[in-house]
Amino acid sequence: MKDTEQSSPEIEMKALQYVNVGYQRILTFECASGGFNWWEGDNPGNPILSALAIQMLSDTKKVYPTVDEKVIDRAARYLEGIQRADGAWEAEAHLHAGNENLGQGGLRSTCYIAWSLNVGGFGKSKAATRALDYIRKNLKESKDSYTLAMCANALASGGDDGAVLQYALDNLAKAAIRDKETVHWEQQGQTLVNSGGIAGQVEVTALAALAFIQAKYETGLVPMVVNWLAATKDPNGNWGYNTQASVLALKTFLAAATLEPGDTDAEVTVLLNGNRLSARRFDNFNRDVLWQVEVSAEQLDDTNRLQLRLDGKGNLGYQVVATLSVPWREGEREKAEPLVIDVGYDRTRLKSNETVGVTVKLRKNLEDAQGMILATLGVPPGFDVVTEDLEKLKAAKAIRTYELTGRQLLLYLDDLAVGKTAVLTYRLSARYPVKAATGDSEVRLYYRSDLKGRQAPQQIVVE
């Protein structure tokens, strides 16, 4: 926003507040080894998460100079200490639930870690040099676009401009799926975080675009990639209901903003059924500013025609989102949802200082819904969760871990067997009289929030 002169003191203050909170949170996952891992207190580090931390902290220090560079240095030393003699890092097969894998052999792991070392300023280190040599020797073994894109980013970020990088970029260009106004890539196999479907396509497309931008290769395709990424944004403003896909898409937009976009000088008009709803003038100064036009239900007929008219010149993205409400069909819920959650209370009326038992039943109906499970359970106001019960579930390996965030309890499970019901029990302790709702309950895949199941809140009374 500073680069495009759209910032303000109020925006910067709020942004830096979020950055500070996020930065402090990231530091809690540093291990004694200097690496980073999934859970607080874990040791030693996880190679991929340690590389991810280097990228995150290196990006953060560009706008937040308080970042402790010694933390980045420790993570780099940890990675150097576990590097193989041939310059590679082992394929990381224990990302979260144990089924997310960076790929065949150590090539993907090595590409990602080398890329991170370059981003962190360690491109001239022995570890990065050995890693890039390994990539050059082994890149041609892989044909899938995701691996080629990761290797291209590793090489380009390290200043390479040789034949191996050219090979990767040429093959990526050949694999591009080109339409009249868009370009994207299909994903083969699994991505870094086990993404599939549109999320996997977003990841590989963003990685390819980032490689093209870094290497200054066929950058004329980048605006068409941006068009495709903009069109795949989901109604909640994310990409593929997936954090990694969203982060890579945003990185691509930021990188693309450094390219010459061409001039914008146009008036955009929004019409509904021939009637003008609103209009706005766009130029080089405000072409990146979000403009939102809402259409109420009262303005709609049985059939409707929405028009966006651009008079002038410019390349502006747009998105049309429709929302609606449907009745809660309890009887159809278990058949329709890929994941089902059923939360029951052994009583809904009790007295202060008494406990109520909670039984959570989780079931997976869809074979393709694989990976770590996240269950979000409401905690009624005036109640405390009996953490002793959660520790027992953790010790019995019924859950991986848990987290309390005020009015919610988060349970992490490695996975669920298709068609089988997992049953978890714990207690809530009532502190004072209250009549309250328990809050929504939800179960979803950790990396695919579109695959989920929900249950409505329930009433509970403390006398």
Protein backbone atom coordinates (compact mmCIF):
# COMPACT_ATOMS: atom_id res chain seq x y z
CA MET A 1 0.00 0.00 0.00
CA LYS A 2 2.96 2.30 0.57
CA ASP A 3 4.30 1.49 -2.88
CA THR A 4 0.96 2.39 -4.48
CA GLU A 5 0.53 5.47 -2.23
CA GLN A 6 -2.74 4.17 -0.79
CA SER A 7 -1.64 3.85 2.83
CA SER A 8 -2.73 5.97 5.78
CA PRO A 9 -1.67 6.15 9.46
CA GLU A 10 -4.87 4.38 10.53
CA ILE A 11 -4.37 1.49 8.09
CA GLU A 12 -0.69 1.15 9.00
CA MET A 13 -1.47 1.10 12.71
CA LYS A 14 -4.02 -1.69 12.32
CA ALA A 15 -1.79 -3.67 9.94
CA LEU A 16 1.21 -3.46 12.26
CA GLN A 17 -0.96 -4.54 15.18
CA TYR A 18 -1.86 -7.72 13.29
CA VAL A 19 1.76 -8.22 12.22
CA ASN A 20 2.96 -7.88 15.81
CA VAL A 21 0.46 -10.40 17.14
CA GLY A 22 1.30 -12.84 14.34
CA TYR A 23 5.04 -12.40 14.82
CA GLN A 24 4.84 -13.05 18.56
CA ARG A 25 2.72 -16.13 17.90
CA ILE A 26 5.17 -17.53 15.35
CA LEU A 27 8.02 -17.25 17.87
CA THR A 28 6.25 -19.65 20.24
CA PHE A 29 6.80 -22.50 17.76
CA GLU A 30 10.60 -22.24 17.74
CA CYS A 31 12.27 -25.40 19.06
CA ALA A 32 15.35 -25.80 21.20
CA SER A 33 17.14 -26.99 18.04
CA GLY A 34 16.55 -23.62 16.37
CA GLY A 35 14.03 -25.10 13.97
CA PHE A 36 10.24 -24.76 14.03
CA ASN A 37 7.55 -27.40 14.50
CA TRP A 38 3.76 -27.82 14.51
CA TRP A 39 3.17 -27.64 18.24
CA GLU A 40 4.61 -25.54 21.03
CA GLY A 41 7.29 -27.45 22.93
CA ASP A 42 8.06 -29.90 20.11
CA ASN A 43 11.69 -30.73 19.35
CA PRO A 44 13.57 -31.09 17.10
CA GLY A 45 12.35 -28.90 14.29
CA ASN A 46 10.43 -29.80 11.16
CA PRO A 47 12.56 -28.96 8.07
CA ILE A 48 9.68 -27.63 5.96
CA LEU A 49 8.17 -25.56 8.75
CA SER A 50 11.62 -24.18 9.57
CA ALA A 51 11.99 -23.10 5.93
CA LEU A 52 8.48 -21.64 6.02
CA ALA A 53 9.39 -19.68 9.17
CA ILE A 54 12.42 -18.21 7.40
CA GLN A 55 10.19 -17.02 4.55
CA MET A 56 7.54 -15.61 6.89
CA LEU A 57 9.99 -13.78 9.14
CA SER A 58 12.02 -12.47 6.21
CA ASP A 59 8.84 -11.07 4.63
CA THR A 60 7.76 -9.65 7.97
CA LYS A 61 10.98 -7.73 8.65
CA LYS A 62 10.44 -5.71 5.45
CA VAL A 63 7.59 -3.88 7.19
CA TYR A 64 8.33 -4.69 10.84
CA PRO A 65 11.97 -3.94 11.73
CA THR A 66 11.54 -5.36 15.25
CA VAL A 67 11.95 -8.92 13.87
CA ASP A 68 14.86 -10.63 15.64
CA GLU A 69 17.21 -11.75 12.87
CA LYS A 70 18.89 -14.18 15.27
CA VAL A 71 15.72 -16.30 15.09
CA ILE A 72 16.09 -16.50 11.30
CA ASP A 73 19.80 -17.33 11.68
CA ARG A 74 19.05 -20.17 14.11
CA ALA A 75 16.52 -21.71 11.73
CA ALA A 76 19.05 -21.54 8.88
CA ARG A 77 21.73 -23.19 11.03
CA TYR A 78 19.29 -25.93 11.99
CA LEU A 79 18.56 -26.65 8.34
CA GLU A 80 22.25 -26.66 7.46
CA GLY A 81 22.87 -29.14 10.28
CA ILE A 82 20.41 -31.72 8.93
CA GLN A 83 21.33 -31.37 5.25
CA ARG A 84 22.52 -34.55 3.56
CA ALA A 85 26.04 -34.83 2.18
CA ASP A 86 24.69 -34.68 -1.40
CA GLY A 87 23.08 -31.29 -0.71
CA ALA A 88 19.50 -32.54 -0.34
CA TRP A 89 17.04 -32.66 2.52
CA GLU A 90 14.93 -35.75 3.11
CA ALA A 91 11.35 -35.76 1.83
CA GLU A 92 9.28 -34.48 4.75
CA ALA A 93 6.52 -37.00 5.39
CA HIS A 94 5.35 -35.69 8.75
CA LEU A 95 3.64 -32.44 8.00
CA HIS A 96 0.89 -32.27 10.60
CA ALA A 97 -1.06 -35.53 10.30
CA GLY A 98 1.64 -37.55 8.59
CA ASN A 99 0.01 -37.86 5.18
CA GLU A 100 1.07 -34.56 3.61
CA ASN A 101 4.26 -35.19 1.68
CA LEU A 102 6.46 -32.85 -0.30
CA GLY A 103 6.91 -35.54 -2.86
CA GLN A 104 8.95 -38.21 -4.50
CA GLY A 105 12.41 -38.28 -2.96
CA GLY A 106 14.00 -35.16 -1.55
CA LEU A 107 13.78 -32.91 -4.61
CA ARG A 108 10.69 -30.95 -3.57
CA SER A 109 11.96 -30.59 -0.01
CA THR A 110 15.31 -29.38 -1.26
CA CYS A 111 13.72 -26.90 -3.67
CA TYR A 112 11.50 -25.38 -1.02
CA ILE A 113 14.25 -25.15 1.61
CA ALA A 114 16.76 -23.71 -0.88
CA TRP A 115 14.19 -21.13 -1.98
CA SER A 116 13.62 -20.16 1.66
CA LEU A 117 17.36 -19.84 2.35
CA ASN A 118 17.68 -17.54 -0.66
CA VAL A 119 14.74 -15.42 0.52
CA GLY A 120 16.30 -15.24 4.00
CA GLY A 121 19.59 -13.90 2.66
CA PHE A 122 21.55 -17.15 2.89
CA GLY A 123 21.91 -17.67 -0.85
CA LYS A 124 25.72 -17.64 -0.68
CA SER A 125 25.90 -20.13 2.21
CA LYS A 126 27.34 -23.60 1.76
CA ALA A 127 23.93 -25.12 2.45
CA ALA A 128 22.21 -23.12 -0.31
CA THR A 129 25.07 -23.70 -2.77
CA ARG A 130 25.03 -27.46 -2.21
CA ALA A 131 21.24 -27.50 -2.48
CA LEU A 132 21.22 -25.68 -5.82
CA ASP A 133 23.86 -28.10 -7.16
CA TYR A 134 21.63 -31.00 -6.14
CA ILE A 135 18.64 -29.40 -7.89
CA ARG A 136 20.58 -28.88 -11.10
CA LYS A 137 21.64 -32.55 -11.12
CA ASN A 138 18.19 -33.97 -10.38
CA LEU A 139 15.60 -31.57 -11.79
CA LYS A 140 15.16 -33.40 -15.10
CA GLU A 141 14.00 -36.51 -13.23
CA SER A 142 10.72 -34.76 -12.52
CA LYS A 143 8.09 -33.91 -15.10
CA ASP A 144 5.22 -32.54 -12.98
CA SER A 145 4.59 -28.79 -13.08
CA TYR A 146 4.45 -28.36 -9.31
CA THR A 147 7.98 -29.69 -8.79
CA LEU A 148 9.29 -27.81 -11.82
CA ALA A 149 7.81 -24.58 -10.47
CA MET A 150 9.32 -25.08 -7.03
CA CYS A 151 12.73 -25.87 -8.55
CA ALA A 152 12.49 -22.82 -10.82
CA ASN A 153 11.77 -20.58 -7.83
CA ALA A 154 14.72 -22.05 -5.94
CA LEU A 155 17.11 -21.51 -8.85
CA ALA A 156 15.82 -18.07 -9.86
CA SER A 157 15.84 -16.74 -6.28
CA GLY A 158 19.46 -17.87 -6.04
CA GLY A 159 20.47 -15.84 -9.06
CA ASP A 160 20.77 -18.81 -11.42
CA ASP A 161 20.23 -18.11 -15.11
CA GLY A 162 21.64 -21.29 -16.60
CA ALA A 163 20.39 -24.10 -18.80
CA VAL A 164 18.67 -26.07 -16.02
CA LEU A 165 16.51 -23.11 -15.02
CA GLN A 166 15.74 -22.51 -18.70
CA TYR A 167 14.69 -26.17 -19.01
CA ALA A 168 12.29 -25.83 -16.08
CA LEU A 169 10.79 -22.59 -17.38
CA ASP A 170 10.45 -23.91 -20.93
CA ASN A 171 8.61 -27.01 -19.72
CA LEU A 172 6.36 -24.93 -17.49
CA ALA A 173 5.50 -22.72 -20.45
CA LYS A 174 4.65 -25.81 -22.54
CA ALA A 175 2.39 -27.17 -19.79
CA ALA A 176 0.44 -23.91 -19.41
CA ILE A 177 -3.27 -24.14 -20.19
CA ARG A 178 -4.04 -21.02 -22.20
CA ASP A 179 -7.45 -19.56 -22.79
CA LYS A 180 -8.38 -16.31 -24.49
CA GLU A 181 -7.80 -14.19 -21.39
CA THR A 182 -6.40 -16.59 -18.77
CA VAL A 183 -3.47 -18.92 -18.15
CA HIS A 184 -3.18 -21.59 -15.47
CA TRP A 185 -1.52 -24.92 -14.73
CA GLU A 186 -2.98 -28.26 -13.67
CA GLN A 187 -1.58 -29.98 -10.62
CA GLN A 188 -0.20 -33.53 -10.85
CA GLY A 189 -0.03 -35.46 -7.59
CA GLN A 190 -0.15 -33.78 -4.20
CA THR A 191 1.12 -30.33 -3.28
CA LEU A 192 3.13 -29.27 -0.25
CA VAL A 193 0.03 -29.38 1.97
CA ASN A 194 -1.83 -32.23 0.28
CA SER A 195 -4.03 -29.86 -1.74
CA GLY A 196 -6.26 -31.11 -4.51
CA GLY A 197 -8.88 -29.68 -6.83
CA ILE A 198 -8.95 -25.92 -7.30
CA ALA A 199 -6.62 -25.32 -4.35
CA GLY A 200 -3.93 -27.47 -5.99
CA GLN A 201 -4.38 -25.64 -9.29
CA VAL A 202 -4.05 -22.28 -7.54
CA GLU A 203 -0.84 -23.35 -5.80
CA VAL A 204 0.92 -24.62 -8.93
CA THR A 205 -0.29 -21.67 -11.02
CA ALA A 206 0.93 -19.13 -8.47
CA LEU A 207 4.29 -20.91 -8.13
CA ALA A 208 4.76 -20.91 -11.90
CA ALA A 209 3.92 -17.21 -12.14
CA LEU A 210 6.30 -16.35 -9.30
CA ALA A 211 9.08 -18.25 -11.09
CA PHE A 212 8.37 -16.40 -14.35
CA ILE A 213 8.47 -13.04 -12.58
CA GLN A 214 11.69 -13.81 -10.70
CA ALA A 215 13.42 -15.12 -13.84
CA LYS A 216 11.95 -12.37 -16.08
CA TYR A 217 10.65 -15.12 -18.37
CA GLU A 218 7.47 -14.76 -20.46
CA THR A 219 6.15 -12.10 -18.10
CA GLY A 220 3.53 -11.31 -20.73
CA LEU A 221 1.65 -14.34 -19.40
CA VAL A 222 1.50 -12.95 -15.87
CA PRO A 223 -1.53 -10.63 -16.40
CA MET A 224 -3.43 -13.64 -17.79
CA VAL A 225 -2.42 -15.65 -14.72
CA VAL A 226 -3.68 -12.81 -12.53
CA ASN A 227 -6.99 -12.91 -14.43
CA TRP A 228 -7.32 -16.63 -13.74
CA LEU A 229 -6.40 -16.32 -10.06
CA ALA A 230 -8.84 -13.43 -9.59
CA ALA A 231 -11.61 -15.50 -11.15
CA THR A 232 -10.98 -18.45 -8.81
CA LYS A 233 -11.37 -16.46 -5.59
CA ASP A 234 -14.09 -18.00 -3.44
CA PRO A 235 -17.02 -16.00 -1.97
CA ASN A 236 -15.16 -15.59 1.35
CA GLY A 237 -12.22 -13.88 -0.34
CA ASN A 238 -9.88 -16.88 -0.21
CA TRP A 239 -8.53 -19.23 -2.85
CA GLY A 240 -9.53 -22.89 -2.80
CA TYR A 241 -10.67 -22.62 0.84
CA ASN A 242 -6.98 -23.20 1.56
CA THR A 243 -4.43 -21.06 3.40
CA GLN A 244 -1.42 -22.03 1.31
CA ALA A 245 -3.27 -21.40 -1.96
CA SER A 246 -4.42 -18.00 -0.67
CA VAL A 247 -0.92 -17.01 0.44
CA LEU A 248 0.63 -17.97 -2.90
CA ALA A 249 -2.11 -16.14 -4.82
CA LEU A 250 -1.48 -12.99 -2.79
CA LYS A 251 2.27 -13.32 -3.32
CA THR A 252 1.62 -13.51 -7.05
CA PHE A 253 -0.52 -10.36 -7.00
CA LEU A 254 2.16 -8.48 -5.08
CA ALA A 255 4.89 -9.63 -7.45
CA ALA A 256 2.75 -8.84 -10.50
CA ALA A 257 2.26 -5.32 -9.18
CA THR A 258 5.97 -4.72 -9.83
CA LEU A 259 5.41 -5.25 -13.56
CA GLU A 260 4.23 -2.48 -15.84
CA PRO A 261 0.41 -2.77 -15.77
CA GLY A 262 -0.41 -0.24 -18.48
CA ASP A 263 -2.51 2.85 -18.01
CA THR A 264 -6.03 2.89 -16.59
CA ASP A 265 -8.51 5.63 -17.43
CA ALA A 266 -12.07 4.38 -17.49
CA GLU A 267 -15.55 4.70 -16.04
CA VAL A 268 -17.18 1.51 -14.83
CA THR A 269 -20.97 1.31 -14.62
CA VAL A 270 -22.98 -1.43 -12.92
CA LEU A 271 -26.48 -2.04 -14.31
CA LEU A 272 -29.26 -4.38 -13.19
CA ASN A 273 -31.97 -5.15 -15.72
CA GLY A 274 -30.94 -2.08 -17.68
CA ASN A 275 -31.09 0.25 -14.69
CA ARG A 276 -27.94 1.97 -13.49
CA LEU A 277 -27.00 0.96 -9.94
CA SER A 278 -23.71 2.79 -9.56
CA ALA A 279 -20.67 4.11 -11.44
CA ARG A 280 -17.07 4.97 -10.61
CA ARG A 281 -14.09 6.46 -12.38
CA PHE A 282 -10.79 4.52 -12.22
CA ASP A 283 -7.31 5.78 -13.07
CA ASN A 284 -3.72 4.75 -12.29
CA PHE A 285 -4.08 5.93 -8.70
CA ASN A 286 -7.20 4.01 -7.61
CA ARG A 287 -7.25 1.01 -9.98
CA ASP A 288 -6.34 -1.36 -7.11
CA VAL A 289 -8.97 0.00 -4.71
CA LEU A 290 -11.86 -2.36 -3.88
CA TRP A 291 -15.25 -1.05 -4.99
CA GLN A 292 -18.25 -2.99 -3.73
CA VAL A 293 -21.79 -2.67 -5.08
CA GLU A 294 -24.53 -4.54 -3.22
CA VAL A 295 -27.87 -5.58 -4.70
CA SER A 296 -30.65 -6.18 -2.22
CA ALA A 297 -33.34 -8.83 -2.62
CA GLU A 298 -35.93 -6.08 -3.10
CA GLN A 299 -34.15 -4.95 -6.28
CA LEU A 300 -34.30 -8.40 -7.91
CA ASP A 301 -36.99 -9.79 -10.21
CA ASP A 302 -37.72 -13.42 -11.12
CA THR A 303 -35.07 -13.20 -13.84
CA ASN A 304 -32.20 -10.73 -13.74
CA ARG A 305 -29.45 -9.43 -15.97
CA LEU A 306 -26.37 -7.92 -14.34
CA GLN A 307 -24.07 -5.83 -16.57
CA LEU A 308 -20.62 -4.34 -15.97
CA ARG A 309 -19.75 -1.70 -18.54
CA LEU A 310 -16.22 -0.27 -18.94
CA ASP A 311 -15.85 2.89 -21.01
CA GLY A 312 -12.20 3.78 -21.56
CA LYS A 313 -9.00 1.77 -21.15
CA GLY A 314 -7.64 -0.45 -18.40
CA ASN A 315 -7.52 -4.03 -17.12
CA LEU A 316 -9.69 -4.23 -14.01
CA GLY A 317 -10.66 -7.43 -12.22
CA TYR A 318 -14.12 -8.09 -10.86
CA GLN A 319 -16.05 -10.72 -8.92
CA VAL A 320 -19.77 -11.46 -8.68
CA VAL A 321 -20.95 -13.22 -5.49
CA ALA A 322 -24.50 -14.38 -4.75
CA THR A 323 -25.68 -15.30 -1.25
CA LEU A 324 -28.89 -16.96 -0.10
CA SER A 325 -30.36 -18.65 2.94
CA VAL A 326 -31.80 -22.18 3.03
CA PRO A 327 -33.77 -23.94 5.79
CA TRP A 328 -31.89 -26.20 8.19
CA ARG A 329 -32.80 -29.76 7.12
CA GLU A 330 -31.75 -31.90 10.04
CA GLY A 331 -32.96 -35.14 8.48
CA GLU A 332 -30.90 -34.67 5.31
CA ARG A 333 -27.75 -33.42 7.00
CA GLU A 334 -25.94 -36.72 7.53
CA LYS A 335 -26.50 -37.87 3.96
CA ALA A 336 -25.41 -34.64 2.32
CA GLU A 337 -22.35 -33.56 4.30
CA PRO A 338 -18.88 -35.03 3.69
CA LEU A 339 -18.18 -34.68 7.42
CA VAL A 340 -20.80 -34.92 10.16
CA ILE A 341 -20.64 -33.60 13.71
CA ASP A 342 -23.16 -34.40 16.46
CA VAL A 343 -22.69 -32.72 19.85
CA GLY A 344 -24.85 -33.81 22.76
CA TYR A 345 -25.09 -32.68 26.40
CA ASP A 346 -26.08 -35.09 29.16
CA ARG A 347 -28.36 -32.34 30.50
CA THR A 348 -29.29 -28.81 29.53
CA ARG A 349 -30.29 -27.54 33.01
CA LEU A 350 -27.86 -27.50 35.92
CA LYS A 351 -26.67 -25.37 38.85
CA SER A 352 -23.61 -23.24 39.46
CA ASN A 353 -20.39 -25.19 40.09
CA GLU A 354 -21.88 -28.33 38.55
CA THR A 355 -20.55 -29.99 35.43
CA VAL A 356 -22.27 -31.09 32.24
CA GLY A 357 -20.95 -33.93 30.12
CA VAL A 358 -20.40 -33.31 26.42
CA THR A 359 -20.31 -36.10 23.84
CA VAL A 360 -18.95 -35.30 20.39
CA LYS A 361 -19.54 -37.75 17.54
CA LEU A 362 -17.59 -37.28 14.32
CA ARG A 363 -17.99 -39.20 11.08
CA LYS A 364 -16.54 -38.92 7.59
CA ASN A 365 -18.73 -39.88 4.62
CA LEU A 366 -16.39 -39.01 1.75
CA GLU A 367 -13.40 -41.15 0.77
CA ASP A 368 -11.59 -38.20 -0.82
CA ALA A 369 -11.76 -36.13 2.38
CA GLN A 370 -8.35 -37.13 3.69
CA GLY A 371 -6.06 -35.31 6.07
CA MET A 372 -6.06 -33.72 9.50
CA ILE A 373 -9.50 -32.98 10.98
CA LEU A 374 -10.36 -29.80 12.89
CA ALA A 375 -13.43 -29.79 15.14
CA THR A 376 -14.59 -26.41 16.45
CA LEU A 377 -16.90 -26.63 19.47
CA GLY A 378 -18.70 -23.77 21.12
CA VAL A 379 -18.07 -23.01 24.79
CA PRO A 380 -21.13 -21.33 26.38
CA PRO A 381 -20.49 -18.09 28.27
CA GLY A 382 -19.99 -18.71 31.99
CA PHE A 383 -18.50 -22.19 31.47
CA ASP A 384 -14.97 -23.56 31.77
CA VAL A 385 -13.71 -26.61 29.90
CA VAL A 386 -12.36 -29.34 32.18
CA THR A 387 -8.93 -29.61 30.56
CA GLU A 388 -8.14 -32.78 32.55
CA ASP A 389 -10.58 -34.61 30.25
CA LEU A 390 -8.87 -33.19 27.16
CA GLU A 391 -5.47 -34.27 28.42
CA LYS A 392 -6.82 -37.81 28.79
CA LEU A 393 -8.07 -37.74 25.19
CA LYS A 394 -4.64 -36.54 24.11
CA ALA A 395 -2.83 -39.24 26.12
CA ALA A 396 -5.11 -41.91 24.62
CA LYS A 397 -4.29 -40.51 21.14
CA ALA A 398 -7.98 -39.94 20.48
CA ILE A 399 -6.96 -36.39 19.53
CA ARG A 400 -3.61 -34.96 18.49
CA THR A 401 -3.98 -31.82 20.58
CA TYR A 402 -6.47 -29.12 21.57
CA GLU A 403 -6.65 -25.35 21.85
CA LEU A 404 -8.93 -23.04 23.83
CA THR A 405 -9.72 -19.65 22.28
CA GLY A 406 -12.21 -17.94 24.56
CA ARG A 407 -15.65 -19.06 23.36
CA GLN A 408 -14.35 -22.01 21.30
CA LEU A 409 -12.62 -25.33 21.84
CA LEU A 410 -10.54 -26.61 18.91
CA LEU A 411 -9.80 -30.32 18.64
CA TYR A 412 -7.20 -31.62 16.17
CA LEU A 413 -7.48 -35.23 14.95
CA ASP A 414 -5.09 -37.03 12.60
CA ASP A 415 -7.89 -38.39 10.40
CA LEU A 416 -11.17 -40.31 10.48
CA ALA A 417 -11.92 -43.67 8.95
CA VAL A 418 -14.70 -43.47 6.34
CA GLY A 419 -18.07 -44.55 7.71
CA LYS A 420 -16.89 -45.03 11.29
CA THR A 421 -17.93 -42.74 14.14
CA ALA A 422 -15.33 -41.30 16.51
CA VAL A 423 -16.72 -40.53 19.97
CA LEU A 424 -15.05 -37.96 22.24
CA THR A 425 -16.24 -36.92 25.70
CA TYR A 426 -15.32 -34.10 28.06
CA ARG A 427 -16.98 -31.91 30.70
CA LEU A 428 -17.92 -28.25 31.07
CA SER A 429 -18.03 -26.60 34.50
CA ALA A 430 -20.66 -23.87 35.17
CA ARG A 431 -19.32 -20.80 36.98
CA TYR A 432 -22.51 -18.78 37.51
CA PRO A 433 -26.23 -18.67 36.60
CA VAL A 434 -26.83 -18.01 32.93
CA LYS A 435 -29.15 -18.83 30.06
CA ALA A 436 -27.01 -19.14 26.97
CA ALA A 437 -26.47 -20.77 23.60
CA THR A 438 -23.71 -23.31 23.24
CA GLY A 439 -22.54 -21.88 19.92
CA ASP A 440 -22.21 -23.55 16.53
CA SER A 441 -20.25 -26.77 16.17
CA GLU A 442 -18.25 -27.53 13.04
CA VAL A 443 -15.95 -30.24 11.73
CA ARG A 444 -13.82 -29.77 8.61
CA LEU A 445 -10.63 -30.80 6.91
CA TYR A 446 -7.78 -28.69 8.21
CA TYR A 447 -6.56 -27.83 4.70
CA ARG A 448 -9.92 -27.79 2.90
CA SER A 449 -12.50 -25.77 4.75
CA ASP A 450 -15.07 -26.38 2.00
CA LEU A 451 -15.35 -30.02 3.15
CA LYS A 452 -17.16 -29.63 6.43
CA GLY A 453 -20.23 -30.36 8.53
CA ARG A 454 -22.07 -28.15 11.01
CA GLN A 455 -24.55 -28.37 13.85
CA ALA A 456 -26.79 -25.57 15.11
CA PRO A 457 -26.35 -24.10 18.63
CA GLN A 458 -28.27 -25.53 21.60
CA GLN A 459 -29.71 -23.79 24.67
CA ILE A 460 -28.32 -24.47 28.12
CA VAL A 461 -29.54 -23.03 31.47
CA VAL A 462 -27.58 -22.66 34.73
CA GLU A 463 -29.78 -21.94 37.75
